[in-house]
Amino acid sequence: MNEAFAQVSVRILDKEYQVACPPSERTDLLDSAEALNAKMREIRDSGRIVGLDRIAVMAALNMANDLLHAQARDKAIEGDYSHRLKVISDRVESALGGTQQLDF
């Protein structure tokens, strides 16, 4: 079940790039390229960093930092939900503990 790869054209800072990806990931690739382009334009327009490679590295660092923060938030939320589910499970077990299971 090997998916064929398609060539997708993306434009980042007025440069065209051809990227191969499975057709099912085309939309995600275009969205990612758009986000990268926006971040690179923001950095370039700030005027503090010059050079395409430096702008790209700063954009990658900023986006990696955003990803790490999002993952940390997800873990915290997951931990909170796990704790809440454990409390609910314990309460249900406690409430059902006084009853006997009926066999038919």
PDB file of N, CA and C in Angstrom:
ATOM      1  N   MET A   1       0.852  -1.180   0.000  1.00  0.00           N
ATOM      2  CA  MET A   1       0.000   0.000   0.000  1.00  0.00           C
ATOM      3  C   MET A   1       0.889   1.232   0.000  1.00  0.00           C
ATOM      4  N   ASN A   2       1.785   1.307  -0.965  1.00  0.00           N
ATOM      5  CA  ASN A   2       2.732   2.402  -1.079  1.00  0.00           C
ATOM      6  C   ASN A   2       2.100   3.555  -1.848  1.00  0.00           C
ATOM      7  N   GLU A   3       1.982   4.683  -1.199  1.00  0.00           N
ATOM      8  CA  GLU A   3       1.377   5.853  -1.810  1.00  0.00           C
ATOM      9  C   GLU A   3       2.371   6.524  -2.755  1.00  0.00           C
ATOM     10  N   ALA A   4       1.922   6.904  -3.922  1.00  0.00           N
ATOM     11  CA  ALA A   4       2.780   7.612  -4.861  1.00  0.00           C
ATOM     12  C   ALA A   4       3.018   9.030  -4.350  1.00  0.00           C
ATOM     13  N   PHE A   5       4.177   9.547  -4.663  1.00  0.00           N
ATOM     14  CA  PHE A   5       4.513  10.901  -4.245  1.00  0.00           C
ATOM     15  C   PHE A   5       4.185  11.872  -5.374  1.00  0.00           C
ATOM     16  N   ALA A   6       3.722  13.043  -4.998  1.00  0.00           N
ATOM     17  CA  ALA A   6       3.403  14.100  -5.958  1.00  0.00           C
ATOM     18  C   ALA A   6       4.319  15.285  -5.706  1.00  0.00           C
ATOM     19  N   GLN A   7       4.653  16.003  -6.751  1.00  0.00           N
ATOM     20  CA  GLN A   7       5.445  17.221  -6.621  1.00  0.00           C
ATOM     21  C   GLN A   7       4.506  18.374  -6.277  1.00  0.00           C
ATOM     22  N   VAL A   8       4.833  19.055  -5.206  1.00  0.00           N
ATOM     23  CA  VAL A   8       4.026  20.190  -4.755  1.00  0.00           C
ATOM     24  C   VAL A   8       4.923  21.415  -4.782  1.00  0.00           C
ATOM     25  N   SER A   9       4.421  22.484  -5.336  1.00  0.00           N
ATOM     26  CA  SER A   9       5.171  23.727  -5.414  1.00  0.00           C
ATOM     27  C   SER A   9       4.764  24.636  -4.259  1.00  0.00           C
ATOM     28  N   VAL A  10       5.778  25.092  -3.499  1.00  0.00           N
ATOM     29  CA  VAL A  10       5.515  26.031  -2.409  1.00  0.00           C
ATOM     30  C   VAL A  10       6.379  27.261  -2.612  1.00  0.00           C
ATOM     31  N   ARG A  11       5.885  28.388  -2.155  1.00  0.00           N
ATOM     32  CA  ARG A  11       6.612  29.649  -2.292  1.00  0.00           C
ATOM     33  C   ARG A  11       6.916  30.176  -0.893  1.00  0.00           C
ATOM     34  N   ILE A  12       8.222  30.362  -0.643  1.00  0.00           N
ATOM     35  CA  ILE A  12       8.669  30.880   0.647  1.00  0.00           C
ATOM     36  C   ILE A  12       9.615  32.041   0.379  1.00  0.00           C
ATOM     37  N   LEU A  13       9.285  33.200   0.914  1.00  0.00           N
ATOM     38  CA  LEU A  13      10.049  34.435   0.692  1.00  0.00           C
ATOM     39  C   LEU A  13      10.352  34.640  -0.789  1.00  0.00           C
ATOM     40  N   ASP A  14       9.310  34.551  -1.582  1.00  0.00           N
ATOM     41  CA  ASP A  14       9.362  34.808  -3.020  1.00  0.00           C
ATOM     42  C   ASP A  14      10.246  33.840  -3.797  1.00  0.00           C
ATOM     43  N   LYS A  15      10.590  32.714  -3.200  1.00  0.00           N
ATOM     44  CA  LYS A  15      11.323  31.670  -3.906  1.00  0.00           C
ATOM     45  C   LYS A  15      10.433  30.438  -4.015  1.00  0.00           C
ATOM     46  N   GLU A  16      10.484  29.812  -5.178  1.00  0.00           N
ATOM     47  CA  GLU A  16       9.674  28.635  -5.448  1.00  0.00           C
ATOM     48  C   GLU A  16      10.472  27.372  -5.110  1.00  0.00           C
ATOM     49  N   TYR A  17       9.828  26.436  -4.408  1.00  0.00           N
ATOM     50  CA  TYR A  17      10.451  25.167  -4.056  1.00  0.00           C
ATOM     51  C   TYR A  17       9.528  24.033  -4.481  1.00  0.00           C
ATOM     52  N   GLN A  18      10.104  22.982  -5.019  1.00  0.00           N
ATOM     53  CA  GLN A  18       9.356  21.776  -5.372  1.00  0.00           C
ATOM     54  C   GLN A  18       9.608  20.745  -4.289  1.00  0.00           C
ATOM     55  N   VAL A  19       8.529  20.222  -3.704  1.00  0.00           N
ATOM     56  CA  VAL A  19       8.641  19.267  -2.612  1.00  0.00           C
ATOM     57  C   VAL A  19       7.799  18.042  -2.951  1.00  0.00           C
ATOM     58  N   ALA A  20       8.368  16.869  -2.750  1.00  0.00           N
ATOM     59  CA  ALA A  20       7.628  15.629  -2.985  1.00  0.00           C
ATOM     60  C   ALA A  20       6.940  15.213  -1.689  1.00  0.00           C
ATOM     61  N   CYS A  21       5.679  14.853  -1.806  1.00  0.00           N
ATOM     62  CA  CYS A  21       4.947  14.364  -0.637  1.00  0.00           C
ATOM     63  C   CYS A  21       3.781  13.505  -1.100  1.00  0.00           C
ATOM     64  N   PRO A  22       3.301  12.623  -0.213  1.00  0.00           N
ATOM     65  CA  PRO A  22       2.113  11.834  -0.559  1.00  0.00           C
ATOM     66  C   PRO A  22       0.912  12.763  -0.760  1.00  0.00           C
ATOM     67  N   PRO A  23       0.047  12.431  -1.696  1.00  0.00           N
ATOM     68  CA  PRO A  23      -1.130  13.282  -1.947  1.00  0.00           C
ATOM     69  C   PRO A  23      -1.964  13.548  -0.692  1.00  0.00           C
ATOM     70  N   SER A  24      -2.009  12.590   0.218  1.00  0.00           N
ATOM     71  CA  SER A  24      -2.811  12.767   1.436  1.00  0.00           C
ATOM     72  C   SER A  24      -2.231  13.824   2.369  1.00  0.00           C
ATOM     73  N   GLU A  25      -0.950  14.186   2.167  1.00  0.00           N
ATOM     74  CA  GLU A  25      -0.303  15.177   3.028  1.00  0.00           C
ATOM     75  C   GLU A  25      -0.127  16.529   2.345  1.00  0.00           C
ATOM     76  N   ARG A  26      -0.676  16.685   1.174  1.00  0.00           N
ATOM     77  CA  ARG A  26      -0.512  17.922   0.398  1.00  0.00           C
ATOM     78  C   ARG A  26      -1.011  19.152   1.149  1.00  0.00           C
ATOM     79  N   THR A  27      -2.194  19.055   1.703  1.00  0.00           N
ATOM     80  CA  THR A  27      -2.778  20.190   2.424  1.00  0.00           C
ATOM     81  C   THR A  27      -1.924  20.567   3.628  1.00  0.00           C
ATOM     82  N   ASP A  28      -1.450  19.566   4.363  1.00  0.00           N
ATOM     83  CA  ASP A  28      -0.593  19.836   5.521  1.00  0.00           C
ATOM     84  C   ASP A  28       0.712  20.497   5.091  1.00  0.00           C
ATOM     85  N   LEU A  29       1.275  20.041   3.979  1.00  0.00           N
ATOM     86  CA  LEU A  29       2.506  20.637   3.464  1.00  0.00           C
ATOM     87  C   LEU A  29       2.288  22.102   3.091  1.00  0.00           C
ATOM     88  N   LEU A  30       1.197  22.380   2.395  1.00  0.00           N
ATOM     89  CA  LEU A  30       0.906  23.766   2.002  1.00  0.00           C
ATOM     90  C   LEU A  30       0.673  24.653   3.225  1.00  0.00           C
ATOM     91  N   ASP A  31      -0.028  24.120   4.225  1.00  0.00           N
ATOM     92  CA  ASP A  31      -0.250  24.880   5.460  1.00  0.00           C
ATOM     93  C   ASP A  31       1.068  25.135   6.190  1.00  0.00           C
ATOM     94  N   SER A  32       1.934  24.128   6.221  1.00  0.00           N
ATOM     95  CA  SER A  32       3.242  24.284   6.868  1.00  0.00           C
ATOM     96  C   SER A  32       4.088  25.318   6.151  1.00  0.00           C
ATOM     97  N   ALA A  33       4.081  25.272   4.822  1.00  0.00           N
ATOM     98  CA  ALA A  33       4.849  26.234   4.031  1.00  0.00           C
ATOM     99  C   ALA A  33       4.324  27.648   4.254  1.00  0.00           C
ATOM    100  N   GLU A  34       3.018  27.782   4.357  1.00  0.00           N
ATOM    101  CA  GLU A  34       2.425  29.099   4.604  1.00  0.00           C
ATOM    102  C   GLU A  34       2.835  29.638   5.976  1.00  0.00           C
ATOM    103  N   ALA A  35       2.822  28.754   6.980  1.00  0.00           N
ATOM    104  CA  ALA A  35       3.237  29.174   8.325  1.00  0.00           C
ATOM    105  C   ALA A  35       4.713  29.557   8.342  1.00  0.00           C
ATOM    106  N   LEU A  36       5.548  28.780   7.681  1.00  0.00           N
ATOM    107  CA  LEU A  36       6.981  29.087   7.606  1.00  0.00           C
ATOM    108  C   LEU A  36       7.217  30.397   6.877  1.00  0.00           C
ATOM    109  N   ASN A  37       6.517  30.594   5.776  1.00  0.00           N
ATOM    110  CA  ASN A  37       6.652  31.835   5.014  1.00  0.00           C
ATOM    111  C   ASN A  37       6.270  33.043   5.870  1.00  0.00           C
ATOM    112  N   ALA A  38       5.181  32.918   6.607  1.00  0.00           N
ATOM    113  CA  ALA A  38       4.734  34.029   7.466  1.00  0.00           C
ATOM    114  C   ALA A  38       5.777  34.337   8.544  1.00  0.00           C
ATOM    115  N   LYS A  39       6.325  33.288   9.165  1.00  0.00           N
ATOM    116  CA  LYS A  39       7.325  33.484  10.220  1.00  0.00           C
ATOM    117  C   LYS A  39       8.596  34.115   9.634  1.00  0.00           C
ATOM    118  N   MET A  40       9.018  33.652   8.468  1.00  0.00           N
ATOM    119  CA  MET A  40      10.236  34.199   7.847  1.00  0.00           C
ATOM    120  C   MET A  40      10.028  35.649   7.424  1.00  0.00           C
ATOM    121  N   ARG A  41       8.845  35.975   6.915  1.00  0.00           N
ATOM    122  CA  ARG A  41       8.551  37.371   6.554  1.00  0.00           C
ATOM    123  C   ARG A  41       8.574  38.264   7.790  1.00  0.00           C
ATOM    124  N   GLU A  42       8.001  37.767   8.874  1.00  0.00           N
ATOM    125  CA  GLU A  42       7.984  38.522  10.125  1.00  0.00           C
ATOM    126  C   GLU A  42       9.412  38.824  10.584  1.00  0.00           C
ATOM    127  N   ILE A  43      10.271  37.830  10.533  1.00  0.00           N
ATOM    128  CA  ILE A  43      11.664  38.013  10.942  1.00  0.00           C
ATOM    129  C   ILE A  43      12.388  38.956   9.989  1.00  0.00           C
ATOM    130  N   ARG A  44      12.195  38.748   8.696  1.00  0.00           N
ATOM    131  CA  ARG A  44      12.843  39.618   7.703  1.00  0.00           C
ATOM    132  C   ARG A  44      12.383  41.064   7.854  1.00  0.00           C
ATOM    133  N   ASP A  45      11.078  41.255   8.044  1.00  0.00           N
ATOM    134  CA  ASP A  45      10.526  42.615   8.129  1.00  0.00           C
ATOM    135  C   ASP A  45      10.908  43.334   9.412  1.00  0.00           C
ATOM    136  N   SER A  46      11.342  42.564  10.430  1.00  0.00           N
ATOM    137  CA  SER A  46      11.786  43.220  11.659  1.00  0.00           C
ATOM    138  C   SER A  46      13.091  43.977  11.416  1.00  0.00           C
ATOM    139  N   GLY A  47      13.834  43.566  10.381  1.00  0.00           N
ATOM    140  CA  GLY A  47      15.057  44.265  10.006  1.00  0.00           C
ATOM    141  C   GLY A  47      16.256  43.942  10.876  1.00  0.00           C
ATOM    142  N   ARG A  48      16.109  43.080  11.855  1.00  0.00           N
ATOM    143  CA  ARG A  48      17.219  42.782  12.755  1.00  0.00           C
ATOM    144  C   ARG A  48      18.120  41.676  12.222  1.00  0.00           C
ATOM    145  N   ILE A  49      17.587  40.838  11.341  1.00  0.00           N
ATOM    146  CA  ILE A  49      18.364  39.714  10.826  1.00  0.00           C
ATOM    147  C   ILE A  49      18.417  39.812   9.306  1.00  0.00           C
ATOM    148  N   VAL A  50      19.630  39.658   8.769  1.00  0.00           N
ATOM    149  CA  VAL A  50      19.845  39.765   7.334  1.00  0.00           C
ATOM    150  C   VAL A  50      20.364  38.432   6.814  1.00  0.00           C
ATOM    151  N   GLY A  51      19.940  38.051   5.641  1.00  0.00           N
ATOM    152  CA  GLY A  51      20.392  36.821   5.007  1.00  0.00           C
ATOM    153  C   GLY A  51      19.346  35.733   5.120  1.00  0.00           C
ATOM    154  N   LEU A  52      19.068  35.125   3.979  1.00  0.00           N
ATOM    155  CA  LEU A  52      18.021  34.109   3.914  1.00  0.00           C
ATOM    156  C   LEU A  52      18.307  32.933   4.849  1.00  0.00           C
ATOM    157  N   ASP A  53      19.555  32.483   4.901  1.00  0.00           N
ATOM    158  CA  ASP A  53      19.858  31.342   5.757  1.00  0.00           C
ATOM    159  C   ASP A  53      19.691  31.675   7.233  1.00  0.00           C
ATOM    160  N   ARG A  54      20.075  32.879   7.639  1.00  0.00           N
ATOM    161  CA  ARG A  54      19.902  33.287   9.042  1.00  0.00           C
ATOM    162  C   ARG A  54      18.424  33.448   9.382  1.00  0.00           C
ATOM    163  N   ILE A  55      17.664  33.996   8.454  1.00  0.00           N
ATOM    164  CA  ILE A  55      16.220  34.136   8.661  1.00  0.00           C
ATOM    165  C   ILE A  55      15.585  32.756   8.806  1.00  0.00           C
ATOM    166  N   ALA A  56      15.997  31.805   7.957  1.00  0.00           N
ATOM    167  CA  ALA A  56      15.449  30.448   8.014  1.00  0.00           C
ATOM    168  C   ALA A  56      15.780  29.776   9.341  1.00  0.00           C
ATOM    169  N   VAL A  57      17.021  29.941   9.810  1.00  0.00           N
ATOM    170  CA  VAL A  57      17.418  29.330  11.081  1.00  0.00           C
ATOM    171  C   VAL A  57      16.627  29.945  12.233  1.00  0.00           C
ATOM    172  N   MET A  58      16.473  31.249  12.244  1.00  0.00           N
ATOM    173  CA  MET A  58      15.710  31.893  13.317  1.00  0.00           C
ATOM    174  C   MET A  58      14.244  31.455  13.290  1.00  0.00           C
ATOM    175  N   ALA A  59      13.686  31.343  12.080  1.00  0.00           N
ATOM    176  CA  ALA A  59      12.297  30.883  11.960  1.00  0.00           C
ATOM    177  C   ALA A  59      12.170  29.453  12.489  1.00  0.00           C
ATOM    178  N   ALA A  60      13.129  28.592  12.128  1.00  0.00           N
ATOM    179  CA  ALA A  60      13.101  27.204  12.601  1.00  0.00           C
ATOM    180  C   ALA A  60      13.226  27.145  14.118  1.00  0.00           C
ATOM    181  N   LEU A  61      14.114  27.942  14.686  1.00  0.00           N
ATOM    182  CA  LEU A  61      14.266  27.961  16.139  1.00  0.00           C
ATOM    183  C   LEU A  61      12.990  28.443  16.831  1.00  0.00           C
ATOM    184  N   ASN A  62      12.391  29.507  16.303  1.00  0.00           N
ATOM    185  CA  ASN A  62      11.145  30.020  16.882  1.00  0.00           C
ATOM    186  C   ASN A  62      10.020  28.986  16.804  1.00  0.00           C
ATOM    187  N   MET A  63       9.916  28.325  15.646  1.00  0.00           N
ATOM    188  CA  MET A  63       8.849  27.343  15.471  1.00  0.00           C
ATOM    189  C   MET A  63       9.099  26.098  16.320  1.00  0.00           C
ATOM    190  N   ALA A  64      10.365  25.684  16.470  1.00  0.00           N
ATOM    191  CA  ALA A  64      10.693  24.546  17.332  1.00  0.00           C
ATOM    192  C   ALA A  64      10.370  24.880  18.786  1.00  0.00           C
ATOM    193  N   ASN A  65      10.663  26.110  19.196  1.00  0.00           N
ATOM    194  CA  ASN A  65      10.343  26.551  20.548  1.00  0.00           C
ATOM    195  C   ASN A  65       8.830  26.530  20.780  1.00  0.00           C
ATOM    196  N   ASP A  66       8.073  27.026  19.808  1.00  0.00           N
ATOM    197  CA  ASP A  66       6.610  26.987  19.903  1.00  0.00           C
ATOM    198  C   ASP A  66       6.114  25.545  20.035  1.00  0.00           C
ATOM    199  N   LEU A  67       6.706  24.631  19.251  1.00  0.00           N
ATOM    200  CA  LEU A  67       6.314  23.229  19.296  1.00  0.00           C
ATOM    201  C   LEU A  67       6.597  22.618  20.667  1.00  0.00           C
ATOM    202  N   LEU A  68       7.777  22.903  21.215  1.00  0.00           N
ATOM    203  CA  LEU A  68       8.122  22.365  22.533  1.00  0.00           C
ATOM    204  C   LEU A  68       7.180  22.870  23.618  1.00  0.00           C
ATOM    205  N   HIS A  69       6.819  24.148  23.544  1.00  0.00           N
ATOM    206  CA  HIS A  69       5.865  24.700  24.519  1.00  0.00           C
ATOM    207  C   HIS A  69       4.491  24.044  24.368  1.00  0.00           C
ATOM    208  N   ALA A  70       4.060  23.819  23.124  1.00  0.00           N
ATOM    209  CA  ALA A  70       2.760  23.179  22.889  1.00  0.00           C
ATOM    210  C   ALA A  70       2.768  21.742  23.411  1.00  0.00           C
ATOM    211  N   GLN A  71       3.880  21.031  23.201  1.00  0.00           N
ATOM    212  CA  GLN A  71       3.980  19.657  23.698  1.00  0.00           C
ATOM    213  C   GLN A  71       3.954  19.625  25.226  1.00  0.00           C
ATOM    214  N   ALA A  72       4.622  20.582  25.857  1.00  0.00           N
ATOM    215  CA  ALA A  72       4.618  20.645  27.326  1.00  0.00           C
ATOM    216  C   ALA A  72       3.202  20.916  27.837  1.00  0.00           C
ATOM    217  N   ARG A  73       2.471  21.820  27.165  1.00  0.00           N
ATOM    218  CA  ARG A  73       1.085  22.095  27.557  1.00  0.00           C
ATOM    219  C   ARG A  73       0.228  20.845  27.389  1.00  0.00           C
ATOM    220  N   ASP A  74       0.433  20.129  26.272  1.00  0.00           N
ATOM    221  CA  ASP A  74      -0.335  18.907  26.034  1.00  0.00           C
ATOM    222  C   ASP A  74      -0.080  17.871  27.121  1.00  0.00           C
ATOM    223  N   LYS A  75       1.182  17.716  27.527  1.00  0.00           N
ATOM    224  CA  LYS A  75       1.518  16.761  28.580  1.00  0.00           C
ATOM    225  C   LYS A  75       0.874  17.159  29.901  1.00  0.00           C
ATOM    226  N   ALA A  76       0.881  18.450  30.193  1.00  0.00           N
ATOM    227  CA  ALA A  76       0.269  18.923  31.435  1.00  0.00           C
ATOM    228  C   ALA A  76      -1.232  18.661  31.420  1.00  0.00           C
ATOM    229  N   ILE A  77      -1.861  18.931  30.297  1.00  0.00           N
ATOM    230  CA  ILE A  77      -3.303  18.695  30.174  1.00  0.00           C
ATOM    231  C   ILE A  77      -3.594  17.209  30.264  1.00  0.00           C
ATOM    232  N   GLU A  78      -2.772  16.399  29.577  1.00  0.00           N
ATOM    233  CA  GLU A  78      -2.952  14.950  29.618  1.00  0.00           C
ATOM    234  C   GLU A  78      -2.813  14.426  31.044  1.00  0.00           C
ATOM    235  N   GLY A  79      -1.828  14.937  31.773  1.00  0.00           N
ATOM    236  CA  GLY A  79      -1.644  14.531  33.165  1.00  0.00           C
ATOM    237  C   GLY A  79      -2.830  14.914  34.029  1.00  0.00           C
ATOM    238  N   ASP A  80      -3.364  16.114  33.776  1.00  0.00           N
ATOM    239  CA  ASP A  80      -4.529  16.574  34.528  1.00  0.00           C
ATOM    240  C   ASP A  80      -5.733  15.687  34.243  1.00  0.00           C
ATOM    241  N   TYR A  81      -5.955  15.340  32.976  1.00  0.00           N
ATOM    242  CA  TYR A  81      -7.076  14.467  32.628  1.00  0.00           C
ATOM    243  C   TYR A  81      -6.883  13.070  33.204  1.00  0.00           C
ATOM    244  N   SER A  82      -5.661  12.563  33.164  1.00  0.00           N
ATOM    245  CA  SER A  82      -5.386  11.238  33.724  1.00  0.00           C
ATOM    246  C   SER A  82      -5.699  11.220  35.217  1.00  0.00           C
ATOM    247  N   HIS A  83      -5.298  12.283  35.904  1.00  0.00           N
ATOM    248  CA  HIS A  83      -5.582  12.376  37.340  1.00  0.00           C
ATOM    249  C   HIS A  83      -7.085  12.427  37.587  1.00  0.00           C
ATOM    250  N   ARG A  84      -7.785  13.228  36.810  1.00  0.00           N
ATOM    251  CA  ARG A  84      -9.238  13.336  36.992  1.00  0.00           C
ATOM    252  C   ARG A  84      -9.931  12.011  36.718  1.00  0.00           C
ATOM    253  N   LEU A  85      -9.498  11.300  35.664  1.00  0.00           N
ATOM    254  CA  LEU A  85     -10.099  10.006  35.353  1.00  0.00           C
ATOM    255  C   LEU A  85      -9.829   8.996  36.467  1.00  0.00           C
ATOM    256  N   LYS A  86      -8.645   9.050  37.046  1.00  0.00           N
ATOM    257  CA  LYS A  86      -8.304   8.155  38.158  1.00  0.00           C
ATOM    258  C   LYS A  86      -9.213   8.436  39.353  1.00  0.00           C
ATOM    259  N   VAL A  87      -9.443   9.708  39.666  1.00  0.00           N
ATOM    260  CA  VAL A  87     -10.318  10.080  40.774  1.00  0.00           C
ATOM    261  C   VAL A  87     -11.738   9.584  40.517  1.00  0.00           C
ATOM    262  N   ILE A  88     -12.228   9.784  39.302  1.00  0.00           N
ATOM    263  CA  ILE A  88     -13.587   9.334  38.955  1.00  0.00           C
ATOM    264  C   ILE A  88     -13.663   7.815  39.031  1.00  0.00           C
ATOM    265  N   SER A  89     -12.658   7.131  38.510  1.00  0.00           N
ATOM    266  CA  SER A  89     -12.631   5.670  38.552  1.00  0.00           C
ATOM    267  C   SER A  89     -12.638   5.161  39.989  1.00  0.00           C
ATOM    268  N   ASP A  90     -11.838   5.799  40.831  1.00  0.00           N
ATOM    269  CA  ASP A  90     -11.811   5.412  42.241  1.00  0.00           C
ATOM    270  C   ASP A  90     -13.164   5.614  42.899  1.00  0.00           C
ATOM    271  N   ARG A  91     -13.832   6.705  42.561  1.00  0.00           N
ATOM    272  CA  ARG A  91     -15.159   6.967  43.146  1.00  0.00           C
ATOM    273  C   ARG A  91     -16.172   5.924  42.678  1.00  0.00           C
ATOM    274  N   VAL A  92     -16.116   5.586  41.403  1.00  0.00           N
ATOM    275  CA  VAL A  92     -17.040   4.572  40.875  1.00  0.00           C
ATOM    276  C   VAL A  92     -16.771   3.231  41.546  1.00  0.00           C
ATOM    277  N   GLU A  93     -15.493   2.854  41.641  1.00  0.00           N
ATOM    278  CA  GLU A  93     -15.127   1.590  42.304  1.00  0.00           C
ATOM    279  C   GLU A  93     -15.596   1.585  43.753  1.00  0.00           C
ATOM    280  N   SER A  94     -15.429   2.717  44.417  1.00  0.00           N
ATOM    281  CA  SER A  94     -15.845   2.818  45.813  1.00  0.00           C
ATOM    282  C   SER A  94     -17.364   2.679  45.938  1.00  0.00           C
ATOM    283  N   ALA A  95     -18.082   3.337  45.032  1.00  0.00           N
ATOM    284  CA  ALA A  95     -19.543   3.272  45.078  1.00  0.00           C
ATOM    285  C   ALA A  95     -20.042   1.872  44.751  1.00  0.00           C
ATOM    286  N   LEU A  96     -19.369   1.186  43.848  1.00  0.00           N
ATOM    287  CA  LEU A  96     -19.796  -0.150  43.467  1.00  0.00           C
ATOM    288  C   LEU A  96     -19.250  -1.215  44.415  1.00  0.00           C
ATOM    289  N   GLY A  97     -18.311  -0.865  45.247  1.00  0.00           N
ATOM    290  CA  GLY A  97     -17.669  -1.813  46.144  1.00  0.00           C
ATOM    291  C   GLY A  97     -18.635  -2.442  47.122  1.00  0.00           C
ATOM    292  N   GLY A  98     -19.692  -1.746  47.487  1.00  0.00           N
ATOM    293  CA  GLY A  98     -20.643  -2.253  48.462  1.00  0.00           C
ATOM    294  C   GLY A  98     -21.646  -3.204  47.851  1.00  0.00           C
ATOM    295  N   THR A  99     -21.709  -3.286  46.560  1.00  0.00           N
ATOM    296  CA  THR A  99     -22.677  -4.182  45.921  1.00  0.00           C
ATOM    297  C   THR A  99     -21.986  -5.457  45.495  1.00  0.00           C
ATOM    298  N   GLN A 100     -22.776  -6.505  45.377  1.00  0.00           N
ATOM    299  CA  GLN A 100     -22.226  -7.780  44.935  1.00  0.00           C
ATOM    300  C   GLN A 100     -22.607  -8.008  43.492  1.00  0.00           C
ATOM    301  N   GLN A 101     -21.709  -8.670  42.791  1.00  0.00           N
ATOM    302  CA  GLN A 101     -21.982  -8.990  41.398  1.00  0.00           C
ATOM    303  C   GLN A 101     -22.948 -10.166  41.342  1.00  0.00           C
ATOM    304  N   LEU A 102     -23.949 -10.051  40.503  1.00  0.00           N
ATOM    305  CA  LEU A 102     -24.925 -11.125  40.356  1.00  0.00           C
ATOM    306  C   LEU A 102     -24.536 -11.987  39.164  1.00  0.00           C
ATOM    307  N   ASP A 103     -24.557 -13.295  39.338  1.00  0.00           N
ATOM    308  CA  ASP A 103     -24.293 -14.215  38.238  1.00  0.00           C
ATOM    309  C   ASP A 103     -25.615 -14.755  37.732  1.00  0.00           C
ATOM    310  N   PHE A 104     -25.738 -14.803  36.435  1.00  0.00           N
ATOM    311  CA  PHE A 104     -26.965 -15.343  35.834  1.00  0.00           C
ATOM    312  C   PHE A 104     -26.713 -16.684  35.237  1.00  0.00           C
TER     313      PHE A 104
END
